[in-house]
Amino acid sequence: MPLKLLTWNIQAAIGTARFSDYLTRAHRQVFHTPAKADTLETIAETLRETDLVCLQEVDLGGRRAGYRCQANAIAARSGHDHLAIQENRVIRGISRHGNAILSRFPLSDVRDLKLPGRVPGRGCLIATVEAETRFDVACVHLSLGRRDQALQLDFLSRHLPRNGRWVVMGDFNCSLHASPAEAFLEKMHARFDRQPEPTYPSWRPLRDYDHILTGPALALGQYQPGPEICSDHLNVTAEMELA
């Protein structure tokens, strides 16, 4: 059976659903609100049927998350027994920004890697998935600038297995047609043989920022963005065949 994959920038459950929410819900960047619990519940319900999940912009226990780790809360509700988290930036008294991997399979050799860039605070979380066929998964959240993205994807390429058994999921903040992504795919002998789907902004998707990529030893099918608007990004799902 193929594995069901999902990646999602959850925007710390702030729940931006239209452009005006960046202003009207700005207080959710600083304070916890009851509405965030409902958003986390919807996110967890969406993940319930998936085998492997990468989440970005997770609050790991700052004030705006009610001093509770959102990754733990989601995993408890979605039924994923295996969890790896990475903290990348702390705004004292407000937020703890990070990435998370949720899995039905055990995770081993977890690596917390800090990505290079002009502004610190971007990370890549890599783990080995102990499925019937072992492979590595990388959860990434890249910077906004093309120069930093190129540095970060080159850095990532040096930490992926040479056997081609890897999957990278996350918010690239760039299209797959952008030069950093194209250079990464070429260097890793990987293909993306479909038109990238726009995922941002979620209420009117115009840009393909969120991606699932695999090495040449793995293959994807049923690749599509999800309909749920719980963040300013749509999630992306795919099925992956294991040889």
C-alpha atoms as a PDB file:
ATOM      1  CA  MET A   1       0.000   0.000   0.000  1.00  0.00           C
ATOM      2  CA  PRO A   2       1.313   3.484  -0.783  1.00  0.00           C
ATOM      3  CA  LEU A   3       2.112   5.801   2.092  1.00  0.00           C
ATOM      4  CA  LYS A   4      -0.070   8.882   2.477  1.00  0.00           C
ATOM      5  CA  LEU A   5       2.004  12.054   2.871  1.00  0.00           C
ATOM      6  CA  LEU A   6       1.038  15.587   3.839  1.00  0.00           C
ATOM      7  CA  THR A   7       2.882  18.864   4.329  1.00  0.00           C
ATOM      8  CA  TRP A   8       1.371  22.012   5.831  1.00  0.00           C
ATOM      9  CA  ASN A   9       2.489  25.417   7.009  1.00  0.00           C
ATOM     10  CA  ILE A  10      -0.117  25.755   9.782  1.00  0.00           C
ATOM     11  CA  GLN A  11       0.697  29.401  10.656  1.00  0.00           C
ATOM     12  CA  ALA A  12       0.605  28.563  14.392  1.00  0.00           C
ATOM     13  CA  ALA A  13      -3.185  28.024  14.165  1.00  0.00           C
ATOM     14  CA  ILE A  14      -3.753  31.759  13.661  1.00  0.00           C
ATOM     15  CA  GLY A  15      -6.294  30.842  11.015  1.00  0.00           C
ATOM     16  CA  THR A  16      -5.846  33.528   8.374  1.00  0.00           C
ATOM     17  CA  ALA A  17      -8.632  32.911   5.867  1.00  0.00           C
ATOM     18  CA  ARG A  18      -8.660  36.189   3.914  1.00  0.00           C
ATOM     19  CA  PHE A  19      -6.289  39.097   3.361  1.00  0.00           C
ATOM     20  CA  SER A  20      -8.035  41.311   5.901  1.00  0.00           C
ATOM     21  CA  ASP A  21      -7.340  38.703   8.609  1.00  0.00           C
ATOM     22  CA  TYR A  22      -3.690  39.735   8.612  1.00  0.00           C
ATOM     23  CA  LEU A  23      -4.968  42.890  10.338  1.00  0.00           C
ATOM     24  CA  THR A  24      -8.087  41.742  12.184  1.00  0.00           C
ATOM     25  CA  ARG A  25      -6.365  38.649  13.592  1.00  0.00           C
ATOM     26  CA  ALA A  26      -2.981  40.252  14.199  1.00  0.00           C
ATOM     27  CA  HIS A  27      -3.490  39.855  17.973  1.00  0.00           C
ATOM     28  CA  ARG A  28      -3.325  36.067  17.485  1.00  0.00           C
ATOM     29  CA  GLN A  29       0.362  36.492  16.650  1.00  0.00           C
ATOM     30  CA  VAL A  30       0.868  37.477  20.292  1.00  0.00           C
ATOM     31  CA  PHE A  31      -1.993  36.017  22.333  1.00  0.00           C
ATOM     32  CA  HIS A  32      -3.683  32.652  22.625  1.00  0.00           C
ATOM     33  CA  THR A  33      -7.381  32.559  21.702  1.00  0.00           C
ATOM     34  CA  PRO A  34     -10.031  29.827  22.061  1.00  0.00           C
ATOM     35  CA  ALA A  35     -10.434  29.802  18.266  1.00  0.00           C
ATOM     36  CA  LYS A  36      -6.943  28.312  17.936  1.00  0.00           C
ATOM     37  CA  ALA A  37      -8.080  25.132  19.697  1.00  0.00           C
ATOM     38  CA  ASP A  38     -10.775  24.688  17.059  1.00  0.00           C
ATOM     39  CA  THR A  39      -8.226  25.257  14.294  1.00  0.00           C
ATOM     40  CA  LEU A  40      -5.855  22.665  15.801  1.00  0.00           C
ATOM     41  CA  GLU A  41      -8.744  20.194  15.994  1.00  0.00           C
ATOM     42  CA  THR A  42      -9.510  20.694  12.296  1.00  0.00           C
ATOM     43  CA  ILE A  43      -5.831  20.273  11.426  1.00  0.00           C
ATOM     44  CA  ALA A  44      -5.588  17.078  13.474  1.00  0.00           C
ATOM     45  CA  GLU A  45      -8.734  15.673  11.856  1.00  0.00           C
ATOM     46  CA  THR A  46      -7.271  16.388   8.405  1.00  0.00           C
ATOM     47  CA  LEU A  47      -4.090  14.474   9.334  1.00  0.00           C
ATOM     48  CA  ARG A  48      -5.862  11.470  10.798  1.00  0.00           C
ATOM     49  CA  GLU A  49      -5.699   9.353   7.615  1.00  0.00           C
ATOM     50  CA  THR A  50      -2.077  10.183   6.772  1.00  0.00           C
ATOM     51  CA  ASP A  51       1.046   8.124   7.446  1.00  0.00           C
ATOM     52  CA  LEU A  52       3.702  10.835   7.414  1.00  0.00           C
ATOM     53  CA  VAL A  53       3.274  14.562   8.016  1.00  0.00           C
ATOM     54  CA  CYS A  54       5.589  17.565   7.940  1.00  0.00           C
ATOM     55  CA  LEU A  55       4.377  20.739   9.641  1.00  0.00           C
ATOM     56  CA  GLN A  56       5.925  24.199   9.502  1.00  0.00           C
ATOM     57  CA  GLU A  57       5.227  27.331  11.572  1.00  0.00           C
ATOM     58  CA  VAL A  58       4.269  25.280  14.598  1.00  0.00           C
ATOM     59  CA  ASP A  59       4.332  27.064  17.949  1.00  0.00           C
ATOM     60  CA  LEU A  60       6.117  24.789  20.404  1.00  0.00           C
ATOM     61  CA  GLY A  61       4.809  26.415  23.584  1.00  0.00           C
ATOM     62  CA  GLY A  62       4.923  30.191  23.450  1.00  0.00           C
ATOM     63  CA  ARG A  63       2.369  32.522  24.989  1.00  0.00           C
ATOM     64  CA  ARG A  64       0.436  32.742  21.717  1.00  0.00           C
ATOM     65  CA  ALA A  65      -0.059  28.943  21.940  1.00  0.00           C
ATOM     66  CA  GLY A  66      -1.227  29.051  25.541  1.00  0.00           C
ATOM     67  CA  TYR A  67       2.198  27.728  26.621  1.00  0.00           C
ATOM     68  CA  ARG A  68       1.363  24.351  25.071  1.00  0.00           C
ATOM     69  CA  CYS A  69       3.205  22.621  22.248  1.00  0.00           C
ATOM     70  CA  GLN A  70       0.937  22.605  19.208  1.00  0.00           C
ATOM     71  CA  ALA A  71       2.780  19.635  17.694  1.00  0.00           C
ATOM     72  CA  ASN A  72       2.036  17.506  20.771  1.00  0.00           C
ATOM     73  CA  ALA A  73      -1.611  18.596  20.739  1.00  0.00           C
ATOM     74  CA  ILE A  74      -2.037  17.728  17.058  1.00  0.00           C
ATOM     75  CA  ALA A  75      -0.281  14.348  17.351  1.00  0.00           C
ATOM     76  CA  ALA A  76      -2.432  13.370  20.346  1.00  0.00           C
ATOM     77  CA  ARG A  77      -5.601  14.129  18.382  1.00  0.00           C
ATOM     78  CA  SER A  78      -4.482  12.721  15.003  1.00  0.00           C
ATOM     79  CA  GLY A  79      -3.209   9.436  16.447  1.00  0.00           C
ATOM     80  CA  HIS A  80       0.387   9.675  15.237  1.00  0.00           C
ATOM     81  CA  ASP A  81       2.534   7.803  17.742  1.00  0.00           C
ATOM     82  CA  HIS A  82       5.901   9.107  16.595  1.00  0.00           C
ATOM     83  CA  LEU A  83       6.863  12.774  16.704  1.00  0.00           C
ATOM     84  CA  ALA A  84      10.019  14.803  16.142  1.00  0.00           C
ATOM     85  CA  ILE A  85      10.142  18.555  16.712  1.00  0.00           C
ATOM     86  CA  GLN A  86      12.615  21.315  15.971  1.00  0.00           C
ATOM     87  CA  GLU A  87      12.780  24.779  17.505  1.00  0.00           C
ATOM     88  CA  ASN A  88      14.238  27.439  15.209  1.00  0.00           C
ATOM     89  CA  ARG A  89      13.355  30.834  16.612  1.00  0.00           C
ATOM     90  CA  VAL A  90      12.188  32.112  20.000  1.00  0.00           C
ATOM     91  CA  ILE A  91      10.582  35.502  20.534  1.00  0.00           C
ATOM     92  CA  ARG A  92      10.820  35.791  24.291  1.00  0.00           C
ATOM     93  CA  GLY A  93       7.469  36.000  26.007  1.00  0.00           C
ATOM     94  CA  ILE A  94       5.538  35.514  22.764  1.00  0.00           C
ATOM     95  CA  SER A  95       6.357  32.516  20.571  1.00  0.00           C
ATOM     96  CA  ARG A  96       8.514  29.442  19.928  1.00  0.00           C
ATOM     97  CA  HIS A  97       8.697  28.794  16.184  1.00  0.00           C
ATOM     98  CA  GLY A  98       9.455  25.344  14.848  1.00  0.00           C
ATOM     99  CA  ASN A  99       8.905  22.405  12.517  1.00  0.00           C
ATOM    100  CA  ALA A 100       7.511  18.953  13.273  1.00  0.00           C
ATOM    101  CA  ILE A 101       7.378  15.479  11.747  1.00  0.00           C
ATOM    102  CA  LEU A 102       4.468  13.186  12.685  1.00  0.00           C
ATOM    103  CA  SER A 103       4.636   9.532  11.690  1.00  0.00           C
ATOM    104  CA  ARG A 104       2.836   6.190  11.970  1.00  0.00           C
ATOM    105  CA  PHE A 105       6.261   4.563  11.767  1.00  0.00           C
ATOM    106  CA  PRO A 106       9.147   4.867  14.224  1.00  0.00           C
ATOM    107  CA  LEU A 107      11.607   7.692  13.555  1.00  0.00           C
ATOM    108  CA  SER A 108      15.334   7.229  14.066  1.00  0.00           C
ATOM    109  CA  ASP A 109      18.500   9.269  13.536  1.00  0.00           C
ATOM    110  CA  VAL A 110      16.661  12.565  14.030  1.00  0.00           C
ATOM    111  CA  ARG A 111      18.770  15.550  12.944  1.00  0.00           C
ATOM    112  CA  ASP A 112      18.057  19.157  13.897  1.00  0.00           C
ATOM    113  CA  LEU A 113      19.797  21.226  11.220  1.00  0.00           C
ATOM    114  CA  LYS A 114      19.919  25.014  11.147  1.00  0.00           C
ATOM    115  CA  LEU A 115      19.806  26.374   7.615  1.00  0.00           C
ATOM    116  CA  PRO A 116      22.300  29.016   6.454  1.00  0.00           C
ATOM    117  CA  GLY A 117      21.033  32.470   5.589  1.00  0.00           C
ATOM    118  CA  ARG A 118      21.391  36.173   6.237  1.00  0.00           C
ATOM    119  CA  VAL A 119      18.736  36.047   8.961  1.00  0.00           C
ATOM    120  CA  PRO A 120      18.910  33.092  11.384  1.00  0.00           C
ATOM    121  CA  GLY A 121      15.827  31.137  12.355  1.00  0.00           C
ATOM    122  CA  ARG A 122      15.211  28.735   9.461  1.00  0.00           C
ATOM    123  CA  GLY A 123      15.590  25.018   9.967  1.00  0.00           C
ATOM    124  CA  CYS A 124      15.468  21.577   8.440  1.00  0.00           C
ATOM    125  CA  LEU A 125      14.407  18.556  10.485  1.00  0.00           C
ATOM    126  CA  ILE A 126      15.528  15.189   9.060  1.00  0.00           C
ATOM    127  CA  ALA A 127      14.669  11.700  10.325  1.00  0.00           C
ATOM    128  CA  THR A 128      14.872   8.145   9.074  1.00  0.00           C
ATOM    129  CA  VAL A 129      11.434   6.553   8.720  1.00  0.00           C
ATOM    130  CA  GLU A 130      11.509   2.929   9.835  1.00  0.00           C
ATOM    131  CA  ALA A 131       8.925   1.671   7.341  1.00  0.00           C
ATOM    132  CA  GLU A 132       9.227  -1.682   5.554  1.00  0.00           C
ATOM    133  CA  THR A 133      11.592   0.137   3.219  1.00  0.00           C
ATOM    134  CA  ARG A 134      13.612   2.694   5.185  1.00  0.00           C
ATOM    135  CA  PHE A 135      13.927   6.227   3.821  1.00  0.00           C
ATOM    136  CA  ASP A 136      14.753   9.712   5.076  1.00  0.00           C
ATOM    137  CA  VAL A 137      12.235  12.519   5.420  1.00  0.00           C
ATOM    138  CA  ALA A 138      13.193  16.191   5.601  1.00  0.00           C
ATOM    139  CA  CYS A 139      10.809  18.886   6.861  1.00  0.00           C
ATOM    140  CA  VAL A 140      11.941  22.299   5.628  1.00  0.00           C
ATOM    141  CA  HIS A 141      10.916  25.930   5.862  1.00  0.00           C
ATOM    142  CA  LEU A 142      13.081  28.075   3.605  1.00  0.00           C
ATOM    143  CA  SER A 143      13.790  31.797   3.715  1.00  0.00           C
ATOM    144  CA  LEU A 144      12.135  34.359   1.439  1.00  0.00           C
ATOM    145  CA  GLY A 145      15.123  35.447  -0.667  1.00  0.00           C
ATOM    146  CA  ARG A 146      16.357  33.485  -3.679  1.00  0.00           C
ATOM    147  CA  ARG A 147      19.998  33.726  -2.615  1.00  0.00           C
ATOM    148  CA  ASP A 148      19.250  32.228   0.797  1.00  0.00           C
ATOM    149  CA  GLN A 149      17.001  29.573  -0.758  1.00  0.00           C
ATOM    150  CA  ALA A 150      19.833  28.490  -3.046  1.00  0.00           C
ATOM    151  CA  LEU A 151      22.227  28.242  -0.092  1.00  0.00           C
ATOM    152  CA  GLN A 152      19.679  26.337   1.966  1.00  0.00           C
ATOM    153  CA  LEU A 153      18.775  23.795  -0.718  1.00  0.00           C
ATOM    154  CA  ASP A 154      22.458  23.206  -1.459  1.00  0.00           C
ATOM    155  CA  PHE A 155      22.999  22.631   2.273  1.00  0.00           C
ATOM    156  CA  LEU A 156      20.052  20.225   2.345  1.00  0.00           C
ATOM    157  CA  SER A 157      21.377  18.276  -0.633  1.00  0.00           C
ATOM    158  CA  ARG A 158      24.492  17.395   1.363  1.00  0.00           C
ATOM    159  CA  HIS A 159      22.415  15.799   4.123  1.00  0.00           C
ATOM    160  CA  LEU A 160      20.183  13.531   2.030  1.00  0.00           C
ATOM    161  CA  PRO A 161      21.077   9.883   1.356  1.00  0.00           C
ATOM    162  CA  ARG A 162      22.835   9.082  -1.909  1.00  0.00           C
ATOM    163  CA  ASN A 163      20.648   6.016  -2.496  1.00  0.00           C
ATOM    164  CA  GLY A 164      17.757   8.237  -3.625  1.00  0.00           C
ATOM    165  CA  ARG A 165      15.450   7.088  -0.827  1.00  0.00           C
ATOM    166  CA  TRP A 166      14.383  10.449   0.516  1.00  0.00           C
ATOM    167  CA  VAL A 167      11.371  12.726   0.610  1.00  0.00           C
ATOM    168  CA  VAL A 168      11.493  16.472   1.248  1.00  0.00           C
ATOM    169  CA  MET A 169       8.312  18.256   2.339  1.00  0.00           C
ATOM    170  CA  GLY A 170       7.715  21.816   3.363  1.00  0.00           C
ATOM    171  CA  ASP A 171       7.264  25.493   2.657  1.00  0.00           C
ATOM    172  CA  PHE A 172       9.920  26.439   0.102  1.00  0.00           C
ATOM    173  CA  ASN A 173       8.674  30.040  -0.227  1.00  0.00           C
ATOM    174  CA  CYS A 174       9.360  29.659  -3.945  1.00  0.00           C
ATOM    175  CA  SER A 175       8.014  27.939  -7.017  1.00  0.00           C
ATOM    176  CA  LEU A 176       9.516  24.734  -8.349  1.00  0.00           C
ATOM    177  CA  HIS A 177      10.204  26.787 -11.470  1.00  0.00           C
ATOM    178  CA  ALA A 178      12.422  29.150  -9.454  1.00  0.00           C
ATOM    179  CA  SER A 179      16.150  28.721  -9.986  1.00  0.00           C
ATOM    180  CA  PRO A 180      16.965  27.419  -6.440  1.00  0.00           C
ATOM    181  CA  ALA A 181      14.413  24.601  -6.710  1.00  0.00           C
ATOM    182  CA  GLU A 182      15.382  23.708 -10.277  1.00  0.00           C
ATOM    183  CA  ALA A 183      19.054  23.548  -9.295  1.00  0.00           C
ATOM    184  CA  PHE A 184      18.222  21.307  -6.330  1.00  0.00           C
ATOM    185  CA  LEU A 185      16.184  18.890  -8.445  1.00  0.00           C
ATOM    186  CA  GLU A 186      18.936  18.685 -11.041  1.00  0.00           C
ATOM    187  CA  LYS A 187      21.674  18.136  -8.482  1.00  0.00           C
ATOM    188  CA  MET A 188      19.685  15.388  -6.728  1.00  0.00           C
ATOM    189  CA  HIS A 189      18.679  13.681 -10.019  1.00  0.00           C
ATOM    190  CA  ALA A 190      15.068  14.095  -8.956  1.00  0.00           C
ATOM    191  CA  ARG A 191      12.029  14.781 -11.102  1.00  0.00           C
ATOM    192  CA  PHE A 192       8.765  16.576 -10.665  1.00  0.00           C
ATOM    193  CA  ASP A 193       6.771  15.546 -13.722  1.00  0.00           C
ATOM    194  CA  ARG A 194       3.573  17.515 -13.083  1.00  0.00           C
ATOM    195  CA  GLN A 195       2.525  21.140 -12.996  1.00  0.00           C
ATOM    196  CA  PRO A 196       3.073  22.568  -9.482  1.00  0.00           C
ATOM    197  CA  GLU A 197      -0.176  23.429  -7.718  1.00  0.00           C
ATOM    198  CA  PRO A 198      -0.574  26.893  -6.129  1.00  0.00           C
ATOM    199  CA  THR A 199      -1.003  26.861  -2.345  1.00  0.00           C
ATOM    200  CA  TYR A 200      -0.615  30.498  -1.261  1.00  0.00           C
ATOM    201  CA  PRO A 201      -2.631  32.423  -0.265  1.00  0.00           C
ATOM    202  CA  SER A 202      -5.035  29.680   0.762  1.00  0.00           C
ATOM    203  CA  TRP A 203      -8.215  31.631  -0.032  1.00  0.00           C
ATOM    204  CA  ARG A 204      -7.026  32.492  -3.558  1.00  0.00           C
ATOM    205  CA  PRO A 205      -4.003  30.322  -4.410  1.00  0.00           C
ATOM    206  CA  LEU A 206      -1.626  32.040  -6.807  1.00  0.00           C
ATOM    207  CA  ARG A 207       1.851  30.734  -5.891  1.00  0.00           C
ATOM    208  CA  ASP A 208       3.211  27.213  -5.531  1.00  0.00           C
ATOM    209  CA  TYR A 209       5.217  27.524  -2.325  1.00  0.00           C
ATOM    210  CA  ASP A 210       4.496  24.190  -0.626  1.00  0.00           C
ATOM    211  CA  HIS A 211       5.973  21.027  -2.084  1.00  0.00           C
ATOM    212  CA  ILE A 212       6.553  17.302  -1.689  1.00  0.00           C
ATOM    213  CA  LEU A 213       9.647  16.053  -3.517  1.00  0.00           C
ATOM    214  CA  THR A 214      11.218  12.605  -3.650  1.00  0.00           C
ATOM    215  CA  GLY A 215      14.506  11.102  -4.660  1.00  0.00           C
ATOM    216  CA  PRO A 216      14.840   8.998  -7.823  1.00  0.00           C
ATOM    217  CA  ALA A 217      14.280   5.740  -5.899  1.00  0.00           C
ATOM    218  CA  LEU A 218      10.750   6.783  -4.839  1.00  0.00           C
ATOM    219  CA  ALA A 219       7.640   7.824  -6.759  1.00  0.00           C
ATOM    220  CA  LEU A 220       4.655  10.043  -6.001  1.00  0.00           C
ATOM    221  CA  GLY A 221       1.036   9.797  -7.061  1.00  0.00           C
ATOM    222  CA  GLN A 222      -2.291  11.442  -6.194  1.00  0.00           C
ATOM    223  CA  TYR A 223      -0.519  14.772  -5.676  1.00  0.00           C
ATOM    224  CA  GLN A 224      -2.873  17.631  -4.816  1.00  0.00           C
ATOM    225  CA  PRO A 225      -3.517  20.564  -2.472  1.00  0.00           C
ATOM    226  CA  GLY A 226      -6.142  20.123   0.207  1.00  0.00           C
ATOM    227  CA  PRO A 227      -9.287  22.248   0.476  1.00  0.00           C
ATOM    228  CA  GLU A 228      -8.995  23.089   4.191  1.00  0.00           C
ATOM    229  CA  ILE A 229      -8.375  26.775   4.991  1.00  0.00           C
ATOM    230  CA  CYS A 230      -6.856  26.759   8.483  1.00  0.00           C
ATOM    231  CA  SER A 231      -3.830  28.847   7.578  1.00  0.00           C
ATOM    232  CA  ASP A 232      -2.669  31.222   4.875  1.00  0.00           C
ATOM    233  CA  HIS A 233      -1.180  28.132   3.167  1.00  0.00           C
ATOM    234  CA  LEU A 234      -3.048  25.126   1.820  1.00  0.00           C
ATOM    235  CA  ASN A 235      -1.712  21.697   2.694  1.00  0.00           C
ATOM    236  CA  VAL A 236      -0.357  19.372   0.003  1.00  0.00           C
ATOM    237  CA  THR A 237      -0.979  15.622  -0.033  1.00  0.00           C
ATOM    238  CA  ALA A 238       0.506  12.788  -2.068  1.00  0.00           C
ATOM    239  CA  GLU A 239       0.864   9.017  -2.073  1.00  0.00           C
ATOM    240  CA  MET A 240       4.327   7.488  -2.206  1.00  0.00           C
ATOM    241  CA  GLU A 241       5.230   4.028  -3.454  1.00  0.00           C
ATOM    242  CA  LEU A 242       7.929   2.061  -1.658  1.00  0.00           C
ATOM    243  CA  ALA A 243       9.900  -0.490  -3.694  1.00  0.00           C
END
